[in-house]
Amino acid sequence: EVADADCWTYPIPGSLTLQPWRSTPTGQLQVSMHPTQGLPAAPADPRHVLVRAIDRLKADGYHPVMAVELEFYLLDKNRDANGRPQPALQANGVRPQAPQVYGVYELEQLQPFLDDLYSACEVQGLPVRTAISEYAPGQVELTLEHRFDALQAVDEGVRYKRLVKGVANKHGMQACFMAKPFGDQAGSGMHMHVSLADEHGNNLMASEDPHGTPLLKHAIGGMMATLNDALAIFCPNANSYRRFQANSYAPLAKSWGVNNRTVSFRVPGGPAKSRHVEHRICGADANPYLAAAAIL
């Protein structure tokens, strides 16, 4: 045969877990793809692409530390009268119509969903932290804790995305990670936080200077230099580019700044030991493995 052959798949150690949103006990397992039994993973396997990027950095004495943030919409499974998607009903039976960024009331209206989400994350060992209502009706973001092992951080981001969809479906909603589902509302991004540490876990970008160390600035310079080539990875769909609009907290230029959420590469404030770069270009529709590999 001359067509593409089937691949061997091997379970990724430690990835077996329950899907707590299912009504019957169901397991979930991540696998890697291998062209031939016993050989290394296929070069095109997105996870293996990231593994190779991490190995190259480690060979130079750098250990990438990463965290993944994903924004998403909670939508009604039923379309509106014109056949368009619409935000899901809140617990009080009212459909949100206006953005209430950081609104506590909006989170209270999602409490049944969030309770199940946090419980499911605990079952799967996902380090979910804060939840916020975002810049559009029905838009939410939960953050995941950073990991010294960048591969672990991205694995958790991938599992988290699947978990959100499962829990939302259990509650009669659809979780949408489309980059720009509504033309007149904010898009959904995948923000990736990254720093470089030594083998002992010391942050090599740590600095009392909010602008960071020379290493941090060189890292930003490298990401800027490769941005044109990597943009197809960060924005893989035609819809991805609709997210880049003014006044929507999406970057519009190849730029960086300190604690500025309108730039492409943000250096957050906070303690000197936590200095890092937040990569803000990716839409929530990007492949986390390929995006992380391109960043590193």
Protein backbone atom coordinates (compact mmCIF):
# COMPACT_ATOMS: atom_id res chain seq x y z
CA GLU A 1 0.00 0.00 0.00
CA VAL A 2 1.14 3.55 -0.66
CA ALA A 3 -1.39 5.35 1.54
CA ASP A 4 -0.53 6.59 5.02
CA ALA A 5 -0.12 3.64 7.32
CA ASP A 6 -1.81 3.37 10.68
CA CYS A 7 0.32 4.35 13.67
CA TRP A 8 1.05 2.59 16.90
CA THR A 9 -0.17 4.43 19.97
CA TYR A 10 1.37 4.11 23.40
CA PRO A 11 -0.14 5.36 26.67
CA ILE A 12 1.54 8.35 28.26
CA PRO A 13 2.57 7.31 31.78
CA GLY A 14 0.54 8.96 34.52
CA SER A 15 -2.19 10.24 32.19
CA LEU A 16 -4.90 7.71 33.10
CA THR A 17 -7.69 9.44 34.98
CA LEU A 18 -11.45 9.44 35.45
CA GLN A 19 -13.93 11.59 33.56
CA PRO A 20 -16.04 12.65 36.55
CA TRP A 21 -18.63 14.43 34.41
CA ARG A 22 -19.78 11.12 32.89
CA SER A 23 -22.80 9.33 34.38
CA THR A 24 -21.02 5.96 34.17
CA PRO A 25 -17.42 5.40 35.35
CA THR A 26 -15.23 6.23 32.36
CA GLY A 27 -11.47 6.49 32.08
CA GLN A 28 -9.40 8.86 29.97
CA LEU A 29 -5.89 8.23 28.67
CA GLN A 30 -3.48 10.31 26.62
CA VAL A 31 -1.39 8.52 24.02
CA SER A 32 1.58 9.25 21.79
CA MET A 33 1.72 8.23 18.12
CA HIS A 34 4.57 6.11 16.77
CA PRO A 35 5.12 5.23 13.08
CA THR A 36 6.56 1.82 13.94
CA GLN A 37 6.30 -0.32 17.02
CA GLY A 38 9.10 0.45 19.46
CA LEU A 39 10.45 3.50 17.61
CA PRO A 40 10.32 7.10 18.95
CA ALA A 41 7.14 9.12 18.61
CA ALA A 42 6.16 10.36 15.17
CA PRO A 43 7.86 13.68 14.30
CA ALA A 44 4.47 15.26 13.58
CA ASP A 45 2.97 14.24 16.93
CA PRO A 46 2.29 17.71 18.46
CA ARG A 47 3.26 16.57 21.93
CA HIS A 48 6.56 15.20 20.65
CA VAL A 49 7.25 18.49 18.86
CA LEU A 50 7.09 20.16 22.28
CA VAL A 51 9.26 17.45 23.85
CA ARG A 52 11.99 18.15 21.28
CA ALA A 53 11.82 21.91 21.93
CA ILE A 54 12.11 21.36 25.69
CA ASP A 55 15.04 18.97 25.23
CA ARG A 56 16.91 21.57 23.15
CA LEU A 57 16.52 24.16 25.91
CA LYS A 58 17.57 21.72 28.62
CA ALA A 59 20.69 20.88 26.63
CA ASP A 60 21.63 24.56 26.98
CA GLY A 61 20.95 24.54 30.73
CA TYR A 62 17.48 26.10 30.67
CA HIS A 63 14.35 24.53 32.17
CA PRO A 64 11.17 26.15 30.81
CA VAL A 65 8.49 26.92 33.39
CA MET A 66 5.00 27.41 31.95
CA ALA A 67 1.36 28.01 32.79
CA VAL A 68 -1.66 27.98 30.48
CA GLU A 69 -4.69 30.31 30.66
CA LEU A 70 -7.73 29.61 28.49
CA GLU A 71 -10.70 31.89 27.95
CA PHE A 72 -13.98 30.40 26.76
CA TYR A 73 -17.67 31.10 26.30
CA LEU A 74 -20.52 29.17 27.90
CA LEU A 75 -23.21 28.97 25.23
CA ASP A 76 -26.77 27.75 25.11
CA LYS A 77 -27.12 24.53 23.12
CA ASN A 78 -30.11 26.15 21.39
CA ARG A 79 -29.55 28.97 18.91
CA ASP A 80 -31.50 32.23 18.99
CA ALA A 81 -34.39 33.06 16.66
CA ASN A 82 -31.94 33.95 13.90
CA GLY A 83 -29.95 30.74 14.26
CA ARG A 84 -27.01 32.39 15.99
CA PRO A 85 -25.22 31.18 19.12
CA GLN A 86 -26.19 32.87 22.37
CA PRO A 87 -24.85 32.92 25.95
CA ALA A 88 -26.21 30.21 28.21
CA LEU A 89 -28.92 30.99 30.74
CA GLN A 90 -27.71 31.85 34.23
CA ALA A 91 -28.89 30.01 37.34
CA ASN A 92 -31.61 32.67 37.77
CA GLY A 93 -32.98 31.91 34.29
CA VAL A 94 -31.74 35.19 32.81
CA ARG A 95 -29.46 35.33 29.78
CA PRO A 96 -26.48 37.71 30.26
CA GLN A 97 -26.60 40.63 27.83
CA ALA A 98 -23.73 42.89 28.82
CA PRO A 99 -20.10 42.31 29.85
CA GLN A 100 -19.34 42.41 33.56
CA VAL A 101 -15.61 41.84 33.68
CA TYR A 102 -14.49 40.53 37.09
CA GLY A 103 -18.13 40.52 38.21
CA VAL A 104 -18.77 38.41 41.31
CA TYR A 105 -22.52 38.12 40.67
CA GLU A 106 -21.84 36.48 37.30
CA LEU A 107 -19.72 33.83 38.98
CA GLU A 108 -22.41 33.24 41.60
CA GLN A 109 -24.86 32.55 38.78
CA LEU A 110 -22.42 29.91 37.48
CA GLN A 111 -21.86 28.33 40.89
CA PRO A 112 -23.32 24.88 40.09
CA PHE A 113 -21.11 24.64 36.99
CA LEU A 114 -18.04 25.98 38.79
CA ASP A 115 -18.52 23.63 41.75
CA ASP A 116 -18.54 20.64 39.42
CA LEU A 117 -15.63 22.07 37.45
CA TYR A 118 -13.42 22.47 40.51
CA SER A 119 -14.39 19.01 41.75
CA ALA A 120 -13.55 17.46 38.38
CA CYS A 121 -10.21 19.27 38.32
CA GLU A 122 -9.45 17.88 41.78
CA VAL A 123 -10.23 14.35 40.59
CA GLN A 124 -7.91 14.78 37.59
CA GLY A 125 -5.19 16.53 39.59
CA LEU A 126 -5.42 19.74 37.59
CA PRO A 127 -4.06 22.77 39.50
CA VAL A 128 -6.93 25.15 38.75
CA ARG A 129 -6.78 28.43 40.63
CA THR A 130 -8.88 31.55 40.21
CA ALA A 131 -12.06 31.98 38.16
CA ILE A 132 -13.15 35.32 36.70
CA SER A 133 -15.98 36.53 34.52
CA GLU A 134 -14.41 37.95 31.39
CA TYR A 135 -14.94 40.84 29.01
CA ALA A 136 -18.13 39.56 27.33
CA PRO A 137 -21.48 38.03 28.34
CA GLY A 138 -20.98 34.35 29.11
CA GLN A 139 -17.19 34.51 28.84
CA VAL A 140 -15.12 32.93 31.62
CA GLU A 141 -11.47 32.29 32.41
CA LEU A 142 -9.90 29.98 34.98
CA THR A 143 -6.16 29.93 35.53
CA LEU A 144 -3.91 26.92 36.01
CA GLU A 145 -0.88 26.93 38.31
CA HIS A 146 2.55 27.19 36.68
CA ARG A 147 4.70 24.08 36.49
CA PHE A 148 8.48 23.64 36.59
CA ASP A 149 7.89 20.92 33.99
CA ALA A 150 6.60 22.74 30.89
CA LEU A 151 5.37 19.50 29.31
CA GLN A 152 3.27 18.79 32.40
CA ALA A 153 1.81 22.31 32.25
CA VAL A 154 0.72 21.88 28.64
CA ASP A 155 -0.57 18.33 29.22
CA GLU A 156 -2.73 19.77 31.99
CA GLY A 157 -3.94 22.57 29.71
CA VAL A 158 -5.04 20.02 27.12
CA ARG A 159 -6.85 17.89 29.70
CA TYR A 160 -8.44 20.98 31.23
CA LYS A 161 -9.90 22.04 27.88
CA ARG A 162 -11.54 18.64 27.47
CA LEU A 163 -12.75 18.73 31.08
CA VAL A 164 -14.43 22.13 30.64
CA LYS A 165 -16.33 20.87 27.61
CA GLY A 166 -17.45 17.76 29.48
CA VAL A 167 -18.65 19.58 32.59
CA ALA A 168 -20.41 22.24 30.51
CA ASN A 169 -22.23 19.54 28.55
CA LYS A 170 -23.34 17.93 31.82
CA HIS A 171 -24.94 21.26 32.77
CA GLY A 172 -26.73 21.62 29.43
CA MET A 173 -24.25 24.14 28.03
CA GLN A 174 -21.66 24.21 25.28
CA ALA A 175 -18.14 25.40 26.11
CA CYS A 176 -16.80 27.28 23.09
CA PHE A 177 -13.07 27.83 22.60
CA MET A 178 -13.48 29.54 19.23
CA ALA A 179 -11.19 32.55 18.96
CA LYS A 180 -13.97 34.98 17.95
CA PRO A 181 -17.48 33.50 18.23
CA PHE A 182 -19.16 36.93 18.29
CA GLY A 183 -18.09 39.75 16.00
CA ASP A 184 -19.09 42.48 18.45
CA GLN A 185 -17.68 40.88 21.62
CA ALA A 186 -14.22 40.06 22.95
CA GLY A 187 -12.45 37.03 21.55
CA SER A 188 -11.05 34.15 23.59
CA GLY A 189 -7.31 33.78 23.96
CA MET A 190 -4.88 31.20 25.23
CA HIS A 191 -2.29 33.10 27.25
CA MET A 192 0.91 31.19 27.92
CA HIS A 193 3.15 32.27 30.77
CA VAL A 194 6.79 31.28 30.45
CA SER A 195 10.07 31.74 32.28
CA LEU A 196 13.40 29.92 32.30
CA ALA A 197 14.88 28.30 35.39
CA ASP A 198 18.10 26.53 36.22
CA GLU A 199 18.20 22.86 37.20
CA HIS A 200 17.47 23.79 40.83
CA GLY A 201 14.29 25.70 39.94
CA ASN A 202 15.75 29.19 40.35
CA ASN A 203 14.09 31.70 38.02
CA LEU A 204 16.79 33.01 35.68
CA MET A 205 14.51 35.91 34.72
CA ALA A 206 14.05 37.07 38.33
CA SER A 207 14.86 40.75 38.77
CA GLU A 208 13.89 43.72 40.93
CA ASP A 209 13.78 45.67 37.67
CA PRO A 210 10.19 45.31 36.39
CA HIS A 211 11.57 45.25 32.84
CA GLY A 212 13.42 42.04 33.68
CA THR A 213 16.87 40.64 33.09
CA PRO A 214 18.82 40.66 29.81
CA LEU A 215 17.77 37.02 29.42
CA LEU A 216 14.10 37.99 29.62
CA LYS A 217 14.60 40.74 27.04
CA HIS A 218 16.48 38.38 24.73
CA ALA A 219 13.61 35.90 25.07
CA ILE A 220 11.12 38.58 24.06
CA GLY A 221 13.39 39.54 21.18
CA GLY A 222 13.47 35.95 20.01
CA MET A 223 9.69 35.65 20.15
CA MET A 224 9.36 38.87 18.18
CA ALA A 225 11.88 37.72 15.58
CA THR A 226 10.04 34.45 14.96
CA LEU A 227 6.49 35.77 15.25
CA ASN A 228 5.82 36.08 11.52
CA ASP A 229 6.74 32.45 10.90
CA ALA A 230 4.91 31.18 13.99
CA LEU A 231 1.68 33.12 13.50
CA ALA A 232 0.04 30.28 11.56
CA ILE A 233 0.54 28.10 14.65
CA PHE A 234 -0.74 30.71 17.09
CA CYS A 235 -3.72 31.53 14.83
CA PRO A 236 -4.54 28.32 12.91
CA ASN A 237 -7.99 29.26 11.58
CA ALA A 238 -9.44 32.11 9.54
CA ASN A 239 -11.60 33.02 12.53
CA SER A 240 -8.45 33.37 14.68
CA TYR A 241 -7.58 36.67 13.01
CA ARG A 242 -10.96 38.23 13.74
CA ARG A 243 -9.94 38.28 17.39
CA PHE A 244 -7.42 41.07 16.75
CA GLN A 245 -9.58 44.13 17.25
CA ALA A 246 -9.00 47.35 19.16
CA ASN A 247 -10.35 47.74 22.71
CA SER A 248 -10.73 43.99 23.22
CA TYR A 249 -7.53 43.16 25.15
CA ALA A 250 -6.07 41.44 22.10
CA PRO A 251 -2.68 42.56 20.75
CA LEU A 252 -2.59 44.54 17.51
CA ALA A 253 1.16 44.92 17.00
CA LYS A 254 4.47 43.18 17.58
CA SER A 255 4.95 44.80 20.98
CA TRP A 256 5.89 44.22 24.61
CA GLY A 257 5.38 46.08 27.85
CA VAL A 258 5.23 45.86 31.63
CA ASN A 259 1.81 44.91 33.04
CA ASN A 260 0.13 46.02 29.81
CA ARG A 261 -2.67 43.77 28.58
CA THR A 262 -2.81 45.29 25.09
CA VAL A 263 0.66 44.12 24.00
CA SER A 264 1.76 40.82 22.45
CA PHE A 265 4.31 40.03 25.15
CA ARG A 266 3.45 41.22 28.64
CA VAL A 267 5.82 41.23 31.61
CA PRO A 268 3.43 40.97 34.59
CA GLY A 269 4.07 42.87 37.78
CA GLY A 270 4.53 41.09 41.07
CA PRO A 271 7.46 39.75 43.09
CA ALA A 272 10.91 39.81 41.53
CA LYS A 273 11.24 36.04 41.87
CA SER A 274 8.14 35.56 39.69
CA ARG A 275 9.30 37.65 36.74
CA HIS A 276 8.23 36.06 33.45
CA VAL A 277 6.64 36.72 30.05
CA GLU A 278 2.97 36.32 29.22
CA HIS A 279 2.53 35.43 25.55
CA ARG A 280 -0.88 36.89 24.58
CA ILE A 281 -1.13 36.19 20.84
CA CYS A 282 -2.67 32.71 20.69
CA GLY A 283 -6.38 32.26 20.32
CA ALA A 284 -8.11 29.64 22.43
CA ASP A 285 -8.37 27.58 19.23
CA ALA A 286 -4.59 27.06 18.97
CA ASN A 287 -2.97 23.68 19.59
CA PRO A 288 -1.31 24.09 23.02
CA TYR A 289 1.56 21.72 22.22
CA LEU A 290 2.51 23.41 18.95
CA ALA A 291 2.03 26.90 20.41
CA ALA A 292 4.27 26.13 23.40
CA ALA A 293 6.90 24.60 21.12
CA ALA A 294 6.91 27.68 18.88
CA ILE A 295 7.24 29.97 21.90
CA LEU A 296 10.14 28.01 23.37
